[in-house]
Amino acid sequence: MFTRFSSNASGSCVAPQGLLPNDPAAKLLEEAEFQRAVKIARALKAGLKNPASFDLTAATRTEAGALCFEYRGTNSFNAVVPSYAVVPPDGQAAAGSARDVAAAWAKHCANRQATSIRHIARAM
């Protein structure tokens, strides 16, 4: 069974019940979550028409474990297009325009307690 982390207001990791923040198991779980988010962001970038134009504007992880991404990239006409992606804990991802992901965004991201994970952009 996979244990989800939560974070406090400063973005510091709060260990799941039974694990201390400095516990090696807690650190491994935190690193696995980080690597998962980076892998998803890289896949979003690779899926763009112009991957070099990828700009991650926001990335959050909700308390329920959903990953919510807001990003921009250029299209064939060199116009900057905002896009969104939602990866809920069950893994049924949705990505595209606001219209394409509206239902998933409303269900998993909108008005949810979440912690910024935008720092994953540095690992890309």
PDB file of N, CA and C in Angstrom:
ATOM      1  N   MET A   1       0.838  -1.187   0.000  1.00  0.00           N
ATOM      2  CA  MET A   1       0.000   0.000   0.000  1.00  0.00           C
ATOM      3  C   MET A   1       0.875   1.239   0.000  1.00  0.00           C
ATOM      4  N   PHE A   2       0.532   2.200  -0.836  1.00  0.00           N
ATOM      5  CA  PHE A   2       1.320   3.420  -0.937  1.00  0.00           C
ATOM      6  C   PHE A   2       0.764   4.461   0.012  1.00  0.00           C
ATOM      7  N   THR A   3       1.627   5.116   0.750  1.00  0.00           N
ATOM      8  CA  THR A   3       1.232   6.142   1.705  1.00  0.00           C
ATOM      9  C   THR A   3       1.480   7.504   1.101  1.00  0.00           C
ATOM     10  N   ARG A   4       0.503   8.381   1.173  1.00  0.00           N
ATOM     11  CA  ARG A   4       0.627   9.731   0.645  1.00  0.00           C
ATOM     12  C   ARG A   4       1.171  10.667   1.707  1.00  0.00           C
ATOM     13  N   PHE A   5       1.918  11.652   1.264  1.00  0.00           N
ATOM     14  CA  PHE A   5       2.435  12.684   2.147  1.00  0.00           C
ATOM     15  C   PHE A   5       1.529  13.893   2.096  1.00  0.00           C
ATOM     16  N   SER A   6       1.540  14.641   3.142  1.00  0.00           N
ATOM     17  CA  SER A   6       0.929  15.962   3.110  1.00  0.00           C
ATOM     18  C   SER A   6       2.039  16.945   3.424  1.00  0.00           C
ATOM     19  N   SER A   7       1.771  18.190   3.242  1.00  0.00           N
ATOM     20  CA  SER A   7       2.769  19.214   3.506  1.00  0.00           C
ATOM     21  C   SER A   7       2.148  20.307   4.336  1.00  0.00           C
ATOM     22  N   ASN A   8       2.988  20.980   5.096  1.00  0.00           N
ATOM     23  CA  ASN A   8       2.477  22.106   5.873  1.00  0.00           C
ATOM     24  C   ASN A   8       2.512  23.366   5.018  1.00  0.00           C
ATOM     25  N   ALA A   9       2.132  24.491   5.594  1.00  0.00           N
ATOM     26  CA  ALA A   9       2.018  25.741   4.839  1.00  0.00           C
ATOM     27  C   ALA A   9       3.328  26.171   4.193  1.00  0.00           C
ATOM     28  N   SER A  10       4.459  25.806   4.783  1.00  0.00           N
ATOM     29  CA  SER A  10       5.745  26.206   4.214  1.00  0.00           C
ATOM     30  C   SER A  10       6.214  25.273   3.111  1.00  0.00           C
ATOM     31  N   GLY A  11       5.449  24.205   2.865  1.00  0.00           N
ATOM     32  CA  GLY A  11       5.821  23.264   1.823  1.00  0.00           C
ATOM     33  C   GLY A  11       6.696  22.135   2.327  1.00  0.00           C
ATOM     34  N   SER A  12       6.997  22.133   3.629  1.00  0.00           N
ATOM     35  CA  SER A  12       7.801  21.058   4.184  1.00  0.00           C
ATOM     36  C   SER A  12       6.968  19.799   4.280  1.00  0.00           C
ATOM     37  N   CYS A  13       7.623  18.698   4.112  1.00  0.00           N
ATOM     38  CA  CYS A  13       6.945  17.417   4.140  1.00  0.00           C
ATOM     39  C   CYS A  13       6.464  17.091   5.550  1.00  0.00           C
ATOM     40  N   VAL A  14       5.253  16.590   5.637  1.00  0.00           N
ATOM     41  CA  VAL A  14       4.713  16.098   6.890  1.00  0.00           C
ATOM     42  C   VAL A  14       4.552  14.599   6.710  1.00  0.00           C
ATOM     43  N   ALA A  15       5.235  13.832   7.529  1.00  0.00           N
ATOM     44  CA  ALA A  15       5.243  12.379   7.371  1.00  0.00           C
ATOM     45  C   ALA A  15       3.876  11.791   7.671  1.00  0.00           C
ATOM     46  N   PRO A  16       3.517  10.691   6.994  1.00  0.00           N
ATOM     47  CA  PRO A  16       2.262  10.008   7.280  1.00  0.00           C
ATOM     48  C   PRO A  16       2.285   9.453   8.699  1.00  0.00           C
ATOM     49  N   GLN A  17       1.121   9.089   9.189  1.00  0.00           N
ATOM     50  CA  GLN A  17       1.043   8.524  10.529  1.00  0.00           C
ATOM     51  C   GLN A  17       1.980   7.334  10.646  1.00  0.00           C
ATOM     52  N   GLY A  18       2.691   7.272  11.759  1.00  0.00           N
ATOM     53  CA  GLY A  18       3.595   6.165  12.001  1.00  0.00           C
ATOM     54  C   GLY A  18       4.997   6.382  11.478  1.00  0.00           C
ATOM     55  N   LEU A  19       5.220   7.437  10.677  1.00  0.00           N
ATOM     56  CA  LEU A  19       6.551   7.725  10.155  1.00  0.00           C
ATOM     57  C   LEU A  19       6.989   9.098  10.634  1.00  0.00           C
ATOM     58  N   LEU A  20       8.210   9.192  11.075  1.00  0.00           N
ATOM     59  CA  LEU A  20       8.774  10.471  11.467  1.00  0.00           C
ATOM     60  C   LEU A  20       9.352  11.154  10.232  1.00  0.00           C
ATOM     61  N   PRO A  21       9.356  12.496  10.188  1.00  0.00           N
ATOM     62  CA  PRO A  21       9.864  13.191   9.003  1.00  0.00           C
ATOM     63  C   PRO A  21      11.291  12.802   8.618  1.00  0.00           C
ATOM     64  N   ASN A  22      12.144  12.471   9.582  1.00  0.00           N
ATOM     65  CA  ASN A  22      13.523  12.097   9.269  1.00  0.00           C
ATOM     66  C   ASN A  22      13.708  10.594   9.097  1.00  0.00           C
ATOM     67  N   ASP A  23      12.637   9.852   9.169  1.00  0.00           N
ATOM     68  CA  ASP A  23      12.680   8.405   8.996  1.00  0.00           C
ATOM     69  C   ASP A  23      13.113   8.096   7.554  1.00  0.00           C
ATOM     70  N   PRO A  24      14.038   7.164   7.352  1.00  0.00           N
ATOM     71  CA  PRO A  24      14.464   6.823   5.985  1.00  0.00           C
ATOM     72  C   PRO A  24      13.299   6.406   5.079  1.00  0.00           C
ATOM     73  N   ALA A  25      12.311   5.713   5.636  1.00  0.00           N
ATOM     74  CA  ALA A  25      11.162   5.302   4.825  1.00  0.00           C
ATOM     75  C   ALA A  25      10.367   6.525   4.367  1.00  0.00           C
ATOM     76  N   ALA A  26      10.243   7.524   5.239  1.00  0.00           N
ATOM     77  CA  ALA A  26       9.534   8.748   4.875  1.00  0.00           C
ATOM     78  C   ALA A  26      10.271   9.480   3.761  1.00  0.00           C
ATOM     79  N   LYS A  27      11.590   9.522   3.856  1.00  0.00           N
ATOM     80  CA  LYS A  27      12.380  10.185   2.817  1.00  0.00           C
ATOM     81  C   LYS A  27      12.255   9.460   1.475  1.00  0.00           C
ATOM     82  N   LEU A  28      12.222   8.128   1.498  1.00  0.00           N
ATOM     83  CA  LEU A  28      12.060   7.360   0.266  1.00  0.00           C
ATOM     84  C   LEU A  28      10.694   7.625  -0.374  1.00  0.00           C
ATOM     85  N   LEU A  29       9.657   7.691   0.439  1.00  0.00           N
ATOM     86  CA  LEU A  29       8.328   7.975  -0.095  1.00  0.00           C
ATOM     87  C   LEU A  29       8.244   9.373  -0.682  1.00  0.00           C
ATOM     88  N   GLU A  30       8.854  10.323  -0.002  1.00  0.00           N
ATOM     89  CA  GLU A  30       8.858  11.704  -0.503  1.00  0.00           C
ATOM     90  C   GLU A  30       9.611  11.782  -1.836  1.00  0.00           C
ATOM     91  N   GLU A  31      10.731  11.095  -1.939  1.00  0.00           N
ATOM     92  CA  GLU A  31      11.506  11.098  -3.182  1.00  0.00           C
ATOM     93  C   GLU A  31      10.725  10.420  -4.315  1.00  0.00           C
ATOM     94  N   ALA A  32      10.009   9.344  -4.005  1.00  0.00           N
ATOM     95  CA  ALA A  32       9.206   8.660  -5.025  1.00  0.00           C
ATOM     96  C   ALA A  32       8.110   9.576  -5.561  1.00  0.00           C
ATOM     97  N   GLU A  33       7.464  10.341  -4.689  1.00  0.00           N
ATOM     98  CA  GLU A  33       6.444  11.299  -5.123  1.00  0.00           C
ATOM     99  C   GLU A  33       7.050  12.385  -6.003  1.00  0.00           C
ATOM    100  N   PHE A  34       8.220  12.872  -5.619  1.00  0.00           N
ATOM    101  CA  PHE A  34       8.909  13.896  -6.405  1.00  0.00           C
ATOM    102  C   PHE A  34       9.243  13.359  -7.799  1.00  0.00           C
ATOM    103  N   GLN A  35       9.819  12.176  -7.872  1.00  0.00           N
ATOM    104  CA  GLN A  35      10.197  11.581  -9.157  1.00  0.00           C
ATOM    105  C   GLN A  35       8.982  11.320 -10.038  1.00  0.00           C
ATOM    106  N   ARG A  36       7.870  10.925  -9.433  1.00  0.00           N
ATOM    107  CA  ARG A  36       6.631  10.703 -10.190  1.00  0.00           C
ATOM    108  C   ARG A  36       6.170  12.012 -10.830  1.00  0.00           C
ATOM    109  N   ALA A  37       6.188  13.097 -10.070  1.00  0.00           N
ATOM    110  CA  ALA A  37       5.762  14.398 -10.588  1.00  0.00           C
ATOM    111  C   ALA A  37       6.681  14.865 -11.714  1.00  0.00           C
ATOM    112  N   VAL A  38       7.987  14.675 -11.559  1.00  0.00           N
ATOM    113  CA  VAL A  38       8.942  15.065 -12.598  1.00  0.00           C
ATOM    114  C   VAL A  38       8.695  14.257 -13.871  1.00  0.00           C
ATOM    115  N   LYS A  39       8.463  12.967 -13.719  1.00  0.00           N
ATOM    116  CA  LYS A  39       8.219  12.097 -14.879  1.00  0.00           C
ATOM    117  C   LYS A  39       6.970  12.546 -15.646  1.00  0.00           C
ATOM    118  N   ILE A  40       5.928  12.910 -14.920  1.00  0.00           N
ATOM    119  CA  ILE A  40       4.700  13.366 -15.566  1.00  0.00           C
ATOM    120  C   ILE A  40       4.933  14.698 -16.280  1.00  0.00           C
ATOM    121  N   ALA A  41       5.633  15.625 -15.626  1.00  0.00           N
ATOM    122  CA  ALA A  41       5.924  16.922 -16.246  1.00  0.00           C
ATOM    123  C   ALA A  41       6.765  16.744 -17.508  1.00  0.00           C
ATOM    124  N   ARG A  42       7.718  15.838 -17.473  1.00  0.00           N
ATOM    125  CA  ARG A  42       8.530  15.571 -18.671  1.00  0.00           C
ATOM    126  C   ARG A  42       7.678  15.011 -19.805  1.00  0.00           C
ATOM    127  N   ALA A  43       6.722  14.153 -19.463  1.00  0.00           N
ATOM    128  CA  ALA A  43       5.826  13.596 -20.485  1.00  0.00           C
ATOM    129  C   ALA A  43       4.946  14.691 -21.086  1.00  0.00           C
ATOM    130  N   LEU A  44       4.480  15.618 -20.247  1.00  0.00           N
ATOM    131  CA  LEU A  44       3.694  16.743 -20.760  1.00  0.00           C
ATOM    132  C   LEU A  44       4.528  17.571 -21.730  1.00  0.00           C
ATOM    133  N   LYS A  45       5.761  17.837 -21.354  1.00  0.00           N
ATOM    134  CA  LYS A  45       6.660  18.617 -22.207  1.00  0.00           C
ATOM    135  C   LYS A  45       6.896  17.903 -23.532  1.00  0.00           C
ATOM    136  N   ALA A  46       7.164  16.614 -23.478  1.00  0.00           N
ATOM    137  CA  ALA A  46       7.452  15.842 -24.694  1.00  0.00           C
ATOM    138  C   ALA A  46       6.253  15.788 -25.630  1.00  0.00           C
ATOM    139  N   GLY A  47       5.046  15.911 -25.084  1.00  0.00           N
ATOM    140  CA  GLY A  47       3.846  15.835 -25.896  1.00  0.00           C
ATOM    141  C   GLY A  47       3.474  17.120 -26.611  1.00  0.00           C
ATOM    142  N   LEU A  48       4.208  18.182 -26.364  1.00  0.00           N
ATOM    143  CA  LEU A  48       3.909  19.463 -27.008  1.00  0.00           C
ATOM    144  C   LEU A  48       4.407  19.499 -28.442  1.00  0.00           C
ATOM    145  N   LYS A  49       3.780  20.331 -29.253  1.00  0.00           N
ATOM    146  CA  LYS A  49       4.215  20.540 -30.636  1.00  0.00           C
ATOM    147  C   LYS A  49       5.648  21.084 -30.666  1.00  0.00           C
ATOM    148  N   ASN A  50       5.943  21.980 -29.723  1.00  0.00           N
ATOM    149  CA  ASN A  50       7.278  22.565 -29.595  1.00  0.00           C
ATOM    150  C   ASN A  50       7.737  22.379 -28.140  1.00  0.00           C
ATOM    151  N   PRO A  51       8.342  21.234 -27.797  1.00  0.00           N
ATOM    152  CA  PRO A  51       8.737  20.971 -26.413  1.00  0.00           C
ATOM    153  C   PRO A  51       9.648  22.035 -25.806  1.00  0.00           C
ATOM    154  N   ALA A  52      10.434  22.718 -26.626  1.00  0.00           N
ATOM    155  CA  ALA A  52      11.333  23.750 -26.109  1.00  0.00           C
ATOM    156  C   ALA A  52      10.562  24.942 -25.535  1.00  0.00           C
ATOM    157  N   SER A  53       9.293  25.095 -25.921  1.00  0.00           N
ATOM    158  CA  SER A  53       8.497  26.220 -25.434  1.00  0.00           C
ATOM    159  C   SER A  53       7.785  25.921 -24.114  1.00  0.00           C
ATOM    160  N   PHE A  54       7.940  24.731 -23.579  1.00  0.00           N
ATOM    161  CA  PHE A  54       7.253  24.325 -22.343  1.00  0.00           C
ATOM    162  C   PHE A  54       7.605  25.257 -21.195  1.00  0.00           C
ATOM    163  N   ASP A  55       6.575  25.761 -20.524  1.00  0.00           N
ATOM    164  CA  ASP A  55       6.743  26.629 -19.355  1.00  0.00           C
ATOM    165  C   ASP A  55       5.763  26.156 -18.290  1.00  0.00           C
ATOM    166  N   LEU A  56       6.276  25.553 -17.238  1.00  0.00           N
ATOM    167  CA  LEU A  56       5.441  25.077 -16.138  1.00  0.00           C
ATOM    168  C   LEU A  56       5.100  26.273 -15.261  1.00  0.00           C
ATOM    169  N   THR A  57       3.844  26.717 -15.309  1.00  0.00           N
ATOM    170  CA  THR A  57       3.448  27.904 -14.555  1.00  0.00           C
ATOM    171  C   THR A  57       2.981  27.573 -13.147  1.00  0.00           C
ATOM    172  N   ALA A  58       2.432  26.377 -12.939  1.00  0.00           N
ATOM    173  CA  ALA A  58       2.011  25.953 -11.602  1.00  0.00           C
ATOM    174  C   ALA A  58       1.934  24.440 -11.557  1.00  0.00           C
ATOM    175  N   ALA A  59       2.287  23.889 -10.417  1.00  0.00           N
ATOM    176  CA  ALA A  59       2.161  22.456 -10.184  1.00  0.00           C
ATOM    177  C   ALA A  59       1.852  22.275  -8.705  1.00  0.00           C
ATOM    178  N   THR A  60       0.806  21.511  -8.422  1.00  0.00           N
ATOM    179  CA  THR A  60       0.419  21.277  -7.034  1.00  0.00           C
ATOM    180  C   THR A  60       0.088  19.820  -6.812  1.00  0.00           C
ATOM    181  N   ARG A  61       0.191  19.412  -5.552  1.00  0.00           N
ATOM    182  CA  ARG A  61      -0.238  18.075  -5.132  1.00  0.00           C
ATOM    183  C   ARG A  61      -1.291  18.295  -4.055  1.00  0.00           C
ATOM    184  N   THR A  62      -2.484  17.765  -4.277  1.00  0.00           N
ATOM    185  CA  THR A  62      -3.560  17.926  -3.305  1.00  0.00           C
ATOM    186  C   THR A  62      -3.364  16.958  -2.148  1.00  0.00           C
ATOM    187  N   GLU A  63      -4.093  17.214  -1.064  1.00  0.00           N
ATOM    188  CA  GLU A  63      -4.015  16.318   0.088  1.00  0.00           C
ATOM    189  C   GLU A  63      -4.450  14.905  -0.276  1.00  0.00           C
ATOM    190  N   ALA A  64      -5.327  14.775  -1.263  1.00  0.00           N
ATOM    191  CA  ALA A  64      -5.796  13.460  -1.703  1.00  0.00           C
ATOM    192  C   ALA A  64      -4.777  12.763  -2.600  1.00  0.00           C
ATOM    193  N   GLY A  65      -3.723  13.482  -3.016  1.00  0.00           N
ATOM    194  CA  GLY A  65      -2.681  12.883  -3.837  1.00  0.00           C
ATOM    195  C   GLY A  65      -2.774  13.181  -5.314  1.00  0.00           C
ATOM    196  N   ALA A  66      -3.728  13.995  -5.739  1.00  0.00           N
ATOM    197  CA  ALA A  66      -3.828  14.347  -7.155  1.00  0.00           C
ATOM    198  C   ALA A  66      -2.750  15.367  -7.515  1.00  0.00           C
ATOM    199  N   LEU A  67      -2.211  15.251  -8.713  1.00  0.00           N
ATOM    200  CA  LEU A  67      -1.239  16.209  -9.226  1.00  0.00           C
ATOM    201  C   LEU A  67      -1.946  17.094 -10.235  1.00  0.00           C
ATOM    202  N   CYS A  68      -1.794  18.410 -10.073  1.00  0.00           N
ATOM    203  CA  CYS A  68      -2.458  19.385 -10.935  1.00  0.00           C
ATOM    204  C   CYS A  68      -1.387  20.285 -11.548  1.00  0.00           C
ATOM    205  N   PHE A  69      -1.365  20.342 -12.872  1.00  0.00           N
ATOM    206  CA  PHE A  69      -0.350  21.110 -13.593  1.00  0.00           C
ATOM    207  C   PHE A  69      -1.006  22.188 -14.445  1.00  0.00           C
ATOM    208  N   GLU A  70      -0.393  23.361 -14.459  1.00  0.00           N
ATOM    209  CA  GLU A  70      -0.749  24.429 -15.392  1.00  0.00           C
ATOM    210  C   GLU A  70       0.538  24.750 -16.144  1.00  0.00           C
ATOM    211  N   TYR A  71       0.455  24.753 -17.470  1.00  0.00           N
ATOM    212  CA  TYR A  71       1.660  24.983 -18.268  1.00  0.00           C
ATOM    213  C   TYR A  71       1.292  25.686 -19.567  1.00  0.00           C
ATOM    214  N   ARG A  72       2.320  26.187 -20.244  1.00  0.00           N
ATOM    215  CA  ARG A  72       2.134  26.868 -21.528  1.00  0.00           C
ATOM    216  C   ARG A  72       3.115  26.306 -22.540  1.00  0.00           C
ATOM    217  N   GLY A  73       2.743  26.436 -23.778  1.00  0.00           N
ATOM    218  CA  GLY A  73       3.615  26.053 -24.881  1.00  0.00           C
ATOM    219  C   GLY A  73       3.117  26.727 -26.139  1.00  0.00           C
ATOM    220  N   THR A  74       3.929  26.732 -27.180  1.00  0.00           N
ATOM    221  CA  THR A  74       3.513  27.363 -28.430  1.00  0.00           C
ATOM    222  C   THR A  74       2.917  26.331 -29.377  1.00  0.00           C
ATOM    223  N   ASN A  75       1.983  26.792 -30.177  1.00  0.00           N
ATOM    224  CA  ASN A  75       1.375  25.918 -31.178  1.00  0.00           C
ATOM    225  C   ASN A  75       2.058  26.116 -32.532  1.00  0.00           C
ATOM    226  N   SER A  76       1.466  25.563 -33.580  1.00  0.00           N
ATOM    227  CA  SER A  76       2.046  25.654 -34.928  1.00  0.00           C
ATOM    228  C   SER A  76       2.151  27.079 -35.447  1.00  0.00           C
ATOM    229  N   PHE A  77       1.332  27.971 -34.921  1.00  0.00           N
ATOM    230  CA  PHE A  77       1.342  29.371 -35.354  1.00  0.00           C
ATOM    231  C   PHE A  77       2.177  30.237 -34.427  1.00  0.00           C
ATOM    232  N   ASN A  78       2.913  29.599 -33.535  1.00  0.00           N
ATOM    233  CA  ASN A  78       3.792  30.251 -32.563  1.00  0.00           C
ATOM    234  C   ASN A  78       3.024  31.073 -31.521  1.00  0.00           C
ATOM    235  N   ALA A  79       1.762  30.784 -31.352  1.00  0.00           N
ATOM    236  CA  ALA A  79       0.964  31.441 -30.309  1.00  0.00           C
ATOM    237  C   ALA A  79       1.138  30.658 -29.005  1.00  0.00           C
ATOM    238  N   VAL A  80       1.230  31.365 -27.904  1.00  0.00           N
ATOM    239  CA  VAL A  80       1.363  30.717 -26.601  1.00  0.00           C
ATOM    240  C   VAL A  80      -0.015  30.238 -26.150  1.00  0.00           C
ATOM    241  N   VAL A  81      -0.109  28.955 -25.847  1.00  0.00           N
ATOM    242  CA  VAL A  81      -1.385  28.331 -25.495  1.00  0.00           C
ATOM    243  C   VAL A  81      -1.302  27.769 -24.076  1.00  0.00           C
ATOM    244  N   PRO A  82      -2.207  28.197 -23.181  1.00  0.00           N
ATOM    245  CA  PRO A  82      -2.218  27.614 -21.843  1.00  0.00           C
ATOM    246  C   PRO A  82      -2.835  26.216 -21.879  1.00  0.00           C
ATOM    247  N   SER A  83      -2.305  25.334 -21.059  1.00  0.00           N
ATOM    248  CA  SER A  83      -2.815  23.970 -20.977  1.00  0.00           C
ATOM    249  C   SER A  83      -2.817  23.525 -19.529  1.00  0.00           C
ATOM    250  N   TYR A  84      -3.533  22.435 -19.278  1.00  0.00           N
ATOM    251  CA  TYR A  84      -3.708  21.927 -17.925  1.00  0.00           C
ATOM    252  C   TYR A  84      -3.625  20.413 -17.944  1.00  0.00           C
ATOM    253  N   ALA A  85      -3.220  19.843 -16.817  1.00  0.00           N
ATOM    254  CA  ALA A  85      -3.210  18.392 -16.682  1.00  0.00           C
ATOM    255  C   ALA A  85      -3.578  18.043 -15.254  1.00  0.00           C
ATOM    256  N   VAL A  86      -4.337  16.963 -15.122  1.00  0.00           N
ATOM    257  CA  VAL A  86      -4.749  16.448 -13.823  1.00  0.00           C
ATOM    258  C   VAL A  86      -4.399  14.973 -13.796  1.00  0.00           C
ATOM    259  N   VAL A  87      -3.680  14.557 -12.752  1.00  0.00           N
ATOM    260  CA  VAL A  87      -3.368  13.146 -12.561  1.00  0.00           C
ATOM    261  C   VAL A  87      -3.872  12.766 -11.176  1.00  0.00           C
ATOM    262  N   PRO A  88      -5.090  12.193 -11.114  1.00  0.00           N
ATOM    263  CA  PRO A  88      -5.631  11.800  -9.822  1.00  0.00           C
ATOM    264  C   PRO A  88      -4.907  10.571  -9.279  1.00  0.00           C
ATOM    265  N   PRO A  89      -5.097  10.262  -8.004  1.00  0.00           N
ATOM    266  CA  PRO A  89      -4.399   9.112  -7.421  1.00  0.00           C
ATOM    267  C   PRO A  89      -4.651   7.796  -8.155  1.00  0.00           C
ATOM    268  N   ASP A  90      -5.820   7.654  -8.801  1.00  0.00           N
ATOM    269  CA  ASP A  90      -6.109   6.404  -9.517  1.00  0.00           C
ATOM    270  C   ASP A  90      -5.413   6.333 -10.868  1.00  0.00           C
ATOM    271  N   GLY A  91      -4.741   7.435 -11.275  1.00  0.00           N
ATOM    272  CA  GLY A  91      -3.936   7.417 -12.482  1.00  0.00           C
ATOM    273  C   GLY A  91      -4.659   7.728 -13.771  1.00  0.00           C
ATOM    274  N   GLN A  92      -5.970   7.992 -13.776  1.00  0.00           N
ATOM    275  CA  GLN A  92      -6.699   8.326 -14.996  1.00  0.00           C
ATOM    276  C   GLN A  92      -6.460   9.794 -15.324  1.00  0.00           C
ATOM    277  N   ALA A  93      -5.399  10.073 -16.052  1.00  0.00           N
ATOM    278  CA  ALA A  93      -4.970  11.447 -16.319  1.00  0.00           C
ATOM    279  C   ALA A  93      -5.805  12.114 -17.395  1.00  0.00           C
ATOM    280  N   ALA A  94      -5.869  13.440 -17.297  1.00  0.00           N
ATOM    281  CA  ALA A  94      -6.516  14.267 -18.310  1.00  0.00           C
ATOM    282  C   ALA A  94      -5.590  15.440 -18.581  1.00  0.00           C
ATOM    283  N   ALA A  95      -5.387  15.774 -19.851  1.00  0.00           N
ATOM    284  CA  ALA A  95      -4.523  16.903 -20.202  1.00  0.00           C
ATOM    285  C   ALA A  95      -5.074  17.585 -21.435  1.00  0.00           C
ATOM    286  N   GLY A  96      -4.839  18.898 -21.515  1.00  0.00           N
ATOM    287  CA  GLY A  96      -5.266  19.660 -22.679  1.00  0.00           C
ATOM    288  C   GLY A  96      -5.711  21.047 -22.282  1.00  0.00           C
ATOM    289  N   SER A  97      -6.647  21.591 -23.048  1.00  0.00           N
ATOM    290  CA  SER A  97      -7.153  22.937 -22.778  1.00  0.00           C
ATOM    291  C   SER A  97      -8.034  22.916 -21.537  1.00  0.00           C
ATOM    292  N   ALA A  98      -8.401  24.102 -21.071  1.00  0.00           N
ATOM    293  CA  ALA A  98      -9.275  24.200 -19.899  1.00  0.00           C
ATOM    294  C   ALA A  98     -10.581  23.440 -20.142  1.00  0.00           C
ATOM    295  N   ARG A  99     -11.106  23.532 -21.356  1.00  0.00           N
ATOM    296  CA  ARG A  99     -12.344  22.826 -21.684  1.00  0.00           C
ATOM    297  C   ARG A  99     -12.142  21.308 -21.632  1.00  0.00           C
ATOM    298  N   ASP A 100     -10.988  20.832 -22.118  1.00  0.00           N
ATOM    299  CA  ASP A 100     -10.716  19.398 -22.160  1.00  0.00           C
ATOM    300  C   ASP A 100     -10.641  18.768 -20.770  1.00  0.00           C
ATOM    301  N   VAL A 101     -10.145  19.501 -19.800  1.00  0.00           N
ATOM    302  CA  VAL A 101      -9.921  18.925 -18.469  1.00  0.00           C
ATOM    303  C   VAL A 101     -10.847  19.501 -17.399  1.00  0.00           C
ATOM    304  N   ALA A 102     -11.872  20.245 -17.807  1.00  0.00           N
ATOM    305  CA  ALA A 102     -12.736  20.942 -16.842  1.00  0.00           C
ATOM    306  C   ALA A 102     -13.320  20.014 -15.783  1.00  0.00           C
ATOM    307  N   ALA A 103     -13.853  18.884 -16.187  1.00  0.00           N
ATOM    308  CA  ALA A 103     -14.489  17.978 -15.219  1.00  0.00           C
ATOM    309  C   ALA A 103     -13.468  17.412 -14.242  1.00  0.00           C
ATOM    310  N   ALA A 104     -12.327  16.968 -14.756  1.00  0.00           N
ATOM    311  CA  ALA A 104     -11.290  16.407 -13.884  1.00  0.00           C
ATOM    312  C   ALA A 104     -10.709  17.482 -12.970  1.00  0.00           C
ATOM    313  N   TRP A 105     -10.532  18.697 -13.507  1.00  0.00           N
ATOM    314  CA  TRP A 105      -9.986  19.794 -12.706  1.00  0.00           C
ATOM    315  C   TRP A 105     -10.950  20.138 -11.566  1.00  0.00           C
ATOM    316  N   ALA A 106     -12.237  20.217 -11.892  1.00  0.00           N
ATOM    317  CA  ALA A 106     -13.241  20.533 -10.868  1.00  0.00           C
ATOM    318  C   ALA A 106     -13.284  19.458  -9.787  1.00  0.00           C
ATOM    319  N   LYS A 107     -13.142  18.223 -10.178  1.00  0.00           N
ATOM    320  CA  LYS A 107     -13.230  17.105  -9.229  1.00  0.00           C
ATOM    321  C   LYS A 107     -11.989  16.991  -8.346  1.00  0.00           C
ATOM    322  N   HIS A 108     -10.796  17.189  -8.915  1.00  0.00           N
ATOM    323  CA  HIS A 108      -9.563  16.886  -8.185  1.00  0.00           C
ATOM    324  C   HIS A 108      -8.725  18.094  -7.773  1.00  0.00           C
ATOM    325  N   CYS A 109      -8.869  19.234  -8.448  1.00  0.00           N
ATOM    326  CA  CYS A 109      -7.946  20.353  -8.211  1.00  0.00           C
ATOM    327  C   CYS A 109      -8.603  21.619  -7.671  1.00  0.00           C
ATOM    328  N   ALA A 110      -9.757  21.988  -8.209  1.00  0.00           N
ATOM    329  CA  ALA A 110     -10.394  23.248  -7.838  1.00  0.00           C
ATOM    330  C   ALA A 110     -10.814  23.256  -6.371  1.00  0.00           C
ATOM    331  N   ASN A 111     -10.478  24.345  -5.699  1.00  0.00           N
ATOM    332  CA  ASN A 111     -10.869  24.546  -4.300  1.00  0.00           C
ATOM    333  C   ASN A 111     -10.424  23.412  -3.379  1.00  0.00           C
ATOM    334  N   ARG A 112      -9.248  22.854  -3.635  1.00  0.00           N
ATOM    335  CA  ARG A 112      -8.698  21.782  -2.806  1.00  0.00           C
ATOM    336  C   ARG A 112      -7.464  22.295  -2.067  1.00  0.00           C
ATOM    337  N   GLN A 113      -7.250  21.778  -0.866  1.00  0.00           N
ATOM    338  CA  GLN A 113      -6.007  22.060  -0.146  1.00  0.00           C
ATOM    339  C   GLN A 113      -4.888  21.415  -0.946  1.00  0.00           C
ATOM    340  N   ALA A 114      -3.889  22.183  -1.304  1.00  0.00           N
ATOM    341  CA  ALA A 114      -2.802  21.654  -2.120  1.00  0.00           C
ATOM    342  C   ALA A 114      -1.498  22.343  -1.761  1.00  0.00           C
ATOM    343  N   THR A 115      -0.417  21.661  -2.072  1.00  0.00           N
ATOM    344  CA  THR A 115       0.928  22.172  -1.837  1.00  0.00           C
ATOM    345  C   THR A 115       1.621  22.360  -3.173  1.00  0.00           C
ATOM    346  N   SER A 116       2.269  23.490  -3.339  1.00  0.00           N
ATOM    347  CA  SER A 116       2.993  23.748  -4.581  1.00  0.00           C
ATOM    348  C   SER A 116       4.174  22.779  -4.709  1.00  0.00           C
ATOM    349  N   ILE A 117       4.303  22.215  -5.892  1.00  0.00           N
ATOM    350  CA  ILE A 117       5.465  21.372  -6.212  1.00  0.00           C
ATOM    351  C   ILE A 117       6.141  21.917  -7.470  1.00  0.00           C
ATOM    352  N   ARG A 118       6.001  23.220  -7.680  1.00  0.00           N
ATOM    353  CA  ARG A 118       6.559  23.847  -8.873  1.00  0.00           C
ATOM    354  C   ARG A 118       8.070  23.671  -8.969  1.00  0.00           C
ATOM    355  N   HIS A 119       8.714  23.413  -7.845  1.00  0.00           N
ATOM    356  CA  HIS A 119      10.160  23.215  -7.841  1.00  0.00           C
ATOM    357  C   HIS A 119      10.592  22.033  -8.711  1.00  0.00           C
ATOM    358  N   ILE A 120       9.641  21.198  -9.138  1.00  0.00           N
ATOM    359  CA  ILE A 120      10.014  20.090 -10.025  1.00  0.00           C
ATOM    360  C   ILE A 120      10.555  20.601 -11.351  1.00  0.00           C
ATOM    361  N   ALA A 121      10.247  21.841 -11.708  1.00  0.00           N
ATOM    362  CA  ALA A 121      10.747  22.421 -12.962  1.00  0.00           C
ATOM    363  C   ALA A 121      12.264  22.446 -12.985  1.00  0.00           C
ATOM    364  N   ARG A 122      12.883  22.567 -11.817  1.00  0.00           N
ATOM    365  CA  ARG A 122      14.354  22.580 -11.760  1.00  0.00           C
ATOM    366  C   ARG A 122      14.958  21.221 -12.093  1.00  0.00           C
ATOM    367  N   ALA A 123      14.180  20.161 -11.938  1.00  0.00           N
ATOM    368  CA  ALA A 123      14.686  18.809 -12.207  1.00  0.00           C
ATOM    369  C   ALA A 123      14.480  18.397 -13.651  1.00  0.00           C
ATOM    370  N   MET A 124      13.897  19.264 -14.446  1.00  0.00           N
ATOM    371  CA  MET A 124      13.627  18.925 -15.837  1.00  0.00           C
ATOM    372  C   MET A 124      14.761  19.414 -16.668  1.00  0.00           C
TER     373      MET A 124
END
